[in-house]
Amino acid sequence: MPHLKLEYTENVQWKIPVQEIFHKLQSVLIQHAKVKPENCKHRAIQLKDYLCSNNGSPCGFIHLEISMLSGRSETVKSKIGSECTKIIRKFLESSPQVQVSVEIRDMDRKNYFTTSQL
């Protein structure tokens, strides 16, 4: 815990491999949410089938979903969202046609089951 799911359209060009971006995103969660690195689960999904347009022109998008156990303040979640957005934009090849979004989800502690020591 937490889970990071990075979805991006096939036309997105990264400056570095996606796996390296995960380390940078994870450092934000360690700093602000005080999570253990060994509990972070990351996955990236490249989307081949999608629809996204900007004023009628085709575009792409990147969406990062971060699911964490509930209990963090809105201030902490805001810092995480803002910093993760900056990281994604930093490692994105220059493209005004790519939309970036970050979503932080609270997971109910009583409904999350795992074998790891949280």
Protein backbone atom coordinates (compact mmCIF):
# COMPACT_ATOMS: atom_id res chain seq x y z
CA MET A 1 0.00 0.00 0.00
CA PRO A 2 -0.25 2.48 -1.73
CA HIS A 3 -1.04 1.44 -5.28
CA LEU A 4 0.03 3.62 -8.21
CA LYS A 5 -1.57 3.01 -11.58
CA LEU A 6 -0.19 5.07 -14.44
CA GLU A 7 -2.24 4.94 -17.63
CA TYR A 8 -0.99 6.67 -20.74
CA THR A 9 -1.90 6.73 -24.41
CA GLU A 10 0.44 5.16 -26.91
CA ASN A 11 1.35 8.54 -28.41
CA VAL A 12 2.98 9.73 -25.14
CA GLN A 13 6.74 10.09 -25.41
CA TRP A 14 8.76 9.83 -22.18
CA LYS A 15 12.24 11.28 -21.61
CA ILE A 16 13.15 8.33 -19.36
CA PRO A 17 11.70 4.82 -18.93
CA VAL A 18 8.42 4.72 -17.01
CA GLN A 19 9.98 2.43 -14.38
CA GLU A 20 12.38 5.23 -13.42
CA ILE A 21 9.49 7.66 -12.98
CA PHE A 22 7.98 5.28 -10.41
CA HIS A 23 10.99 5.81 -8.12
CA LYS A 24 10.46 9.56 -8.22
CA LEU A 25 6.71 9.26 -7.56
CA GLN A 26 7.40 6.85 -4.71
CA SER A 27 9.76 9.35 -3.06
CA VAL A 28 6.88 11.84 -2.88
CA LEU A 29 4.71 9.28 -1.09
CA ILE A 30 7.51 8.38 1.32
CA GLN A 31 8.07 12.04 2.14
CA HIS A 32 4.46 13.19 2.54
CA ALA A 33 2.43 10.06 3.34
CA LYS A 34 5.17 8.31 5.37
CA VAL A 35 4.71 5.02 3.50
CA LYS A 36 7.26 2.22 3.45
CA PRO A 37 8.88 1.77 0.02
CA GLU A 38 8.42 -2.00 0.17
CA ASN A 39 4.65 -1.53 0.43
CA CYS A 40 4.32 0.53 -2.78
CA LYS A 41 2.87 -1.26 -5.78
CA HIS A 42 3.35 0.37 -9.19
CA ARG A 43 1.98 -0.47 -12.59
CA ALA A 44 1.92 1.26 -15.93
CA ILE A 45 -0.61 0.59 -18.64
CA GLN A 46 -0.14 1.85 -22.17
CA LEU A 47 -3.48 2.46 -23.86
CA LYS A 48 -3.83 1.59 -27.52
CA ASP A 49 -7.60 2.14 -27.70
CA TYR A 50 -8.68 5.60 -26.55
CA LEU A 51 -10.42 8.78 -27.62
CA CYS A 52 -9.12 12.18 -26.63
CA SER A 53 -9.33 15.43 -28.57
CA ASN A 54 -8.34 19.02 -28.00
CA ASN A 55 -10.44 21.44 -30.05
CA GLY A 56 -11.06 18.70 -32.59
CA SER A 57 -7.40 17.68 -32.87
CA PRO A 58 -6.31 14.26 -31.60
CA CYS A 59 -4.35 14.32 -28.37
CA GLY A 60 -3.15 11.97 -25.68
CA PHE A 61 -3.36 11.77 -21.93
CA ILE A 62 -1.64 10.53 -18.82
CA HIS A 63 -3.64 9.63 -15.74
CA LEU A 64 -2.03 8.65 -12.44
CA GLU A 65 -4.30 7.03 -9.88
CA ILE A 66 -2.90 6.78 -6.36
CA SER A 67 -4.88 4.62 -3.93
CA MET A 68 -3.90 4.95 -0.27
CA LEU A 69 -5.39 3.87 3.01
CA SER A 70 -7.66 6.58 4.37
CA GLY A 71 -6.53 8.94 7.10
CA ARG A 72 -4.30 11.47 5.33
CA SER A 73 -5.18 15.14 5.51
CA GLU A 74 -6.34 17.13 2.51
CA THR A 75 -3.12 19.14 2.76
CA VAL A 76 -0.99 16.00 2.44
CA LYS A 77 -3.07 14.72 -0.48
CA SER A 78 -2.84 18.09 -2.20
CA LYS A 79 0.97 18.12 -1.87
CA ILE A 80 1.19 14.58 -3.25
CA GLY A 81 -1.07 15.40 -6.19
CA SER A 82 0.76 18.61 -7.04
CA GLU A 83 4.25 17.13 -6.81
CA CYS A 84 3.32 14.00 -8.77
CA THR A 85 1.85 16.15 -11.54
CA LYS A 86 5.12 18.12 -11.73
CA ILE A 87 7.17 14.91 -11.92
CA ILE A 88 5.06 13.53 -14.75
CA ARG A 89 5.29 16.78 -16.70
CA LYS A 90 9.06 16.96 -16.13
CA PHE A 91 9.65 13.59 -17.78
CA LEU A 92 7.17 14.06 -20.58
CA GLU A 93 8.60 14.98 -23.97
CA SER A 94 7.37 18.42 -24.94
CA SER A 95 3.85 17.97 -26.25
CA PRO A 96 1.04 20.46 -25.70
CA GLN A 97 -1.44 17.84 -26.91
CA VAL A 98 -0.98 15.57 -23.84
CA GLN A 99 -3.30 16.12 -20.88
CA VAL A 100 -2.01 15.13 -17.42
CA SER A 101 -4.23 14.25 -14.46
CA VAL A 102 -3.64 12.81 -10.99
CA GLU A 103 -6.33 11.27 -8.81
CA ILE A 104 -5.86 10.34 -5.16
CA ARG A 105 -8.26 7.76 -3.78
CA ASP A 106 -8.84 6.91 -0.14
CA MET A 107 -9.24 3.21 0.53
CA ASP A 108 -11.31 2.19 3.54
CA ARG A 109 -8.94 0.46 5.98
CA LYS A 110 -11.56 -2.09 7.04
CA ASN A 111 -12.02 -3.17 3.42
CA TYR A 112 -8.35 -3.56 2.44
CA PHE A 113 -6.76 -6.95 2.99
CA THR A 114 -3.07 -7.74 2.47
CA THR A 115 -0.36 -10.12 3.56
CA SER A 116 2.25 -7.34 3.94
CA GLN A 117 3.08 -5.63 7.21
CA LEU A 118 1.71 -2.11 6.74
